[in-house]
């Protein structure tokens, strides 16, 4: 794809106000998969110059997407999500497992976006145990920008490593 998603027109079945979120998630998904397709498995958990490993970024992107989407649905985190959070950064999953998880999480995010009525975007959503204030749109936007932030960090880390 020569054109980035944000210049490719609307994503089918995504509400107009959520198009930027969908574009960012699709762009990150494309870039991460392209970047990691030939990455050596043995280097997945290396931390060059003490920065986060490629494996951490992949784990973290998927975990944060899952958690933010949960909050956007006005749901509490499950025990499984809390366990995943505690284990982020611990080696264990293979590159293919981490990519599959990221691809699945991106797909689930797009499905949630397609089912999100625009008239709910400013509805209050509490974040975490303290129920810090946000909105549906705030959480969905943060899911997109956080994914892109870690995609950029992953890209730089991998480029330095190879």
Protein backbone atom coordinates (compact mmCIF):
# COMPACT_ATOMS: atom_id res chain seq x y z
CA UNK A 1 0.00 0.00 0.00
CA UNK A 2 1.63 3.22 -1.16
CA UNK A 3 -0.87 5.54 0.49
CA UNK A 4 -1.19 5.66 4.25
CA UNK A 5 -4.55 4.73 5.69
CA UNK A 6 -5.47 8.31 6.65
CA UNK A 7 -5.23 9.27 2.96
CA UNK A 8 -7.20 6.27 1.71
CA UNK A 9 -10.72 7.40 2.50
CA UNK A 10 -13.16 6.11 5.04
CA UNK A 11 -12.87 2.67 6.58
CA UNK A 12 -16.06 0.70 5.95
CA UNK A 13 -18.52 0.44 8.85
CA UNK A 14 -16.62 2.87 11.09
CA UNK A 15 -18.53 5.97 12.30
CA UNK A 16 -17.24 9.22 10.78
CA UNK A 17 -15.93 10.64 14.05
CA UNK A 18 -13.94 7.45 14.73
CA UNK A 19 -12.24 7.29 11.33
CA UNK A 20 -8.96 8.76 12.67
CA UNK A 21 -8.83 6.05 15.35
CA UNK A 22 -9.39 3.33 12.74
CA UNK A 23 -6.79 4.85 10.41
CA UNK A 24 -4.15 4.98 13.15
CA UNK A 25 -4.81 1.40 14.28
CA UNK A 26 -4.72 0.05 10.72
CA UNK A 27 -1.52 1.97 9.97
CA UNK A 28 0.16 0.68 13.13
CA UNK A 29 -0.94 -2.86 12.36
CA UNK A 30 0.51 -2.67 8.85
CA UNK A 31 3.79 -1.12 9.98
CA UNK A 32 4.33 -3.53 12.88
CA UNK A 33 3.66 -6.60 10.76
CA UNK A 34 5.93 -5.37 7.95
CA UNK A 35 8.69 -4.42 10.38
CA UNK A 36 8.66 -7.69 12.28
CA UNK A 37 8.22 -10.19 9.44
CA UNK A 38 11.94 -11.03 9.21
CA UNK A 39 12.96 -10.09 12.74
CA UNK A 40 15.21 -12.73 14.36
CA UNK A 41 13.31 -14.56 17.12
CA UNK A 42 16.47 -14.81 19.24
CA UNK A 43 16.61 -11.00 19.59
CA UNK A 44 12.96 -10.45 20.55
CA UNK A 45 13.68 -9.77 24.22
CA UNK A 46 16.98 -7.90 23.89
CA UNK A 47 17.09 -4.40 25.38
CA UNK A 48 19.60 -2.35 23.34
CA UNK A 49 21.04 0.51 25.40
CA UNK A 50 18.60 -0.43 28.18
CA UNK A 51 15.44 0.53 26.27
CA UNK A 52 12.35 -1.67 26.12
CA UNK A 53 12.66 -4.81 24.04
CA UNK A 54 10.69 -5.38 20.82
CA UNK A 55 8.83 -8.13 22.68
CA UNK A 56 7.76 -5.70 25.39
CA UNK A 57 6.39 -3.21 22.85
CA UNK A 58 4.36 -5.93 21.14
CA UNK A 59 2.99 -7.20 24.47
CA UNK A 60 2.27 -3.71 25.74
CA UNK A 61 0.46 -2.47 22.62
CA UNK A 62 -1.92 -5.42 22.73
CA UNK A 63 -2.48 -5.18 26.47
CA UNK A 64 -3.16 -1.45 26.49
CA UNK A 65 -5.54 -1.73 23.54
CA UNK A 66 -7.45 -4.44 25.38
CA UNK A 67 -7.62 -2.44 28.61
CA UNK A 68 -8.61 0.86 27.00
CA UNK A 69 -11.33 -0.80 24.95
CA UNK A 70 -12.64 -2.45 28.12
CA UNK A 71 -12.85 0.92 29.86
CA UNK A 72 -14.55 2.45 26.79
CA UNK A 73 -17.26 -0.22 27.16
CA UNK A 74 -17.66 0.87 30.82
CA UNK A 75 -16.40 -2.51 32.04
CA UNK A 76 -13.92 -3.38 34.76
CA UNK A 77 -10.74 -5.25 33.97
CA UNK A 78 -10.93 -9.01 34.39
CA UNK A 79 -8.50 -11.03 36.51
CA UNK A 80 -6.95 -12.26 33.22
CA UNK A 81 -6.34 -8.69 32.07
CA UNK A 82 -4.73 -7.80 35.40
CA UNK A 83 -2.47 -10.86 35.16
CA UNK A 84 -1.51 -9.88 31.61
CA UNK A 85 -0.64 -6.37 32.84
CA UNK A 86 1.60 -7.74 35.60
CA UNK A 87 3.39 -10.00 33.11
CA UNK A 88 4.06 -7.39 30.43
CA UNK A 89 7.77 -7.37 29.70
CA UNK A 90 8.33 -10.96 30.79
CA UNK A 91 9.67 -13.12 27.98
CA UNK A 92 7.64 -16.14 27.10
CA UNK A 93 5.59 -15.62 23.98
CA UNK A 94 7.12 -16.09 20.54
CA UNK A 95 7.16 -13.41 17.87
CA UNK A 96 4.39 -15.16 15.93
CA UNK A 97 2.25 -15.39 19.09
CA UNK A 98 2.78 -11.70 19.87
CA UNK A 99 1.94 -10.67 16.30
CA UNK A 100 -1.16 -12.86 16.28
CA UNK A 101 -2.29 -11.28 19.55
CA UNK A 102 -1.71 -7.78 18.15
CA UNK A 103 -3.57 -8.60 14.94
CA UNK A 104 -6.48 -10.04 16.91
CA UNK A 105 -6.58 -7.06 19.24
CA UNK A 106 -6.54 -4.65 16.28
CA UNK A 107 -9.43 -6.53 14.68
CA UNK A 108 -11.39 -6.48 17.95
CA UNK A 109 -10.76 -2.74 18.26
CA UNK A 110 -12.12 -2.14 14.77
CA UNK A 111 -15.19 -4.24 15.56
CA UNK A 112 -15.76 -2.19 18.71
CA UNK A 113 -15.34 1.06 16.78
CA UNK A 114 -17.93 -0.09 14.24
CA UNK A 115 -20.41 -0.80 17.05
CA UNK A 116 -19.82 2.49 18.91
CA UNK A 117 -22.66 4.98 18.40
CA UNK A 118 -21.37 8.51 17.83
CA UNK A 119 -23.86 9.87 20.36
CA UNK A 120 -22.00 8.00 23.14
CA UNK A 121 -18.56 9.51 22.43
CA UNK A 122 -18.76 12.14 25.15
CA UNK A 123 -20.18 9.75 27.76
CA UNK A 124 -18.18 9.51 30.99
CA UNK A 125 -15.94 6.51 31.43
CA UNK A 126 -13.99 5.84 34.60
CA UNK A 127 -10.47 4.49 34.26
CA UNK A 128 -8.98 2.04 36.70
CA UNK A 129 -9.75 1.42 40.34
CA UNK A 130 -9.81 5.15 41.05
CA UNK A 131 -12.28 5.73 38.19
CA UNK A 132 -10.20 8.59 36.80
CA UNK A 133 -12.35 10.67 34.44
CA UNK A 134 -12.36 10.10 30.71
CA UNK A 135 -14.88 9.66 27.91
CA UNK A 136 -15.53 7.01 25.29
CA UNK A 137 -13.79 9.21 22.70
CA UNK A 138 -10.91 9.99 25.05
CA UNK A 139 -10.24 6.30 25.59
CA UNK A 140 -10.55 5.39 21.90
CA UNK A 141 -8.30 8.29 20.87
CA UNK A 142 -5.74 7.32 23.51
CA UNK A 143 -5.85 3.71 22.26
CA UNK A 144 -4.87 4.97 18.80
CA UNK A 145 -2.19 7.44 19.87
CA UNK A 146 -0.66 5.06 22.40
CA UNK A 147 -0.51 2.31 19.76
CA UNK A 148 1.24 4.68 17.35
CA UNK A 149 3.65 5.88 20.06
CA UNK A 150 4.82 2.34 20.75
CA UNK A 151 4.86 1.52 17.04
CA UNK A 152 7.35 4.36 16.59
CA UNK A 153 9.43 3.21 19.54
CA UNK A 154 9.40 -0.35 18.19
CA UNK A 155 10.47 0.87 14.76
CA UNK A 156 13.44 2.79 16.15
CA UNK A 157 14.48 -0.05 18.46
CA UNK A 158 14.37 -2.63 15.66
CA UNK A 159 16.27 -0.34 13.25
CA UNK A 160 19.02 0.13 15.84
CA UNK A 161 19.20 -3.60 16.51
CA UNK A 162 19.47 -4.65 12.87
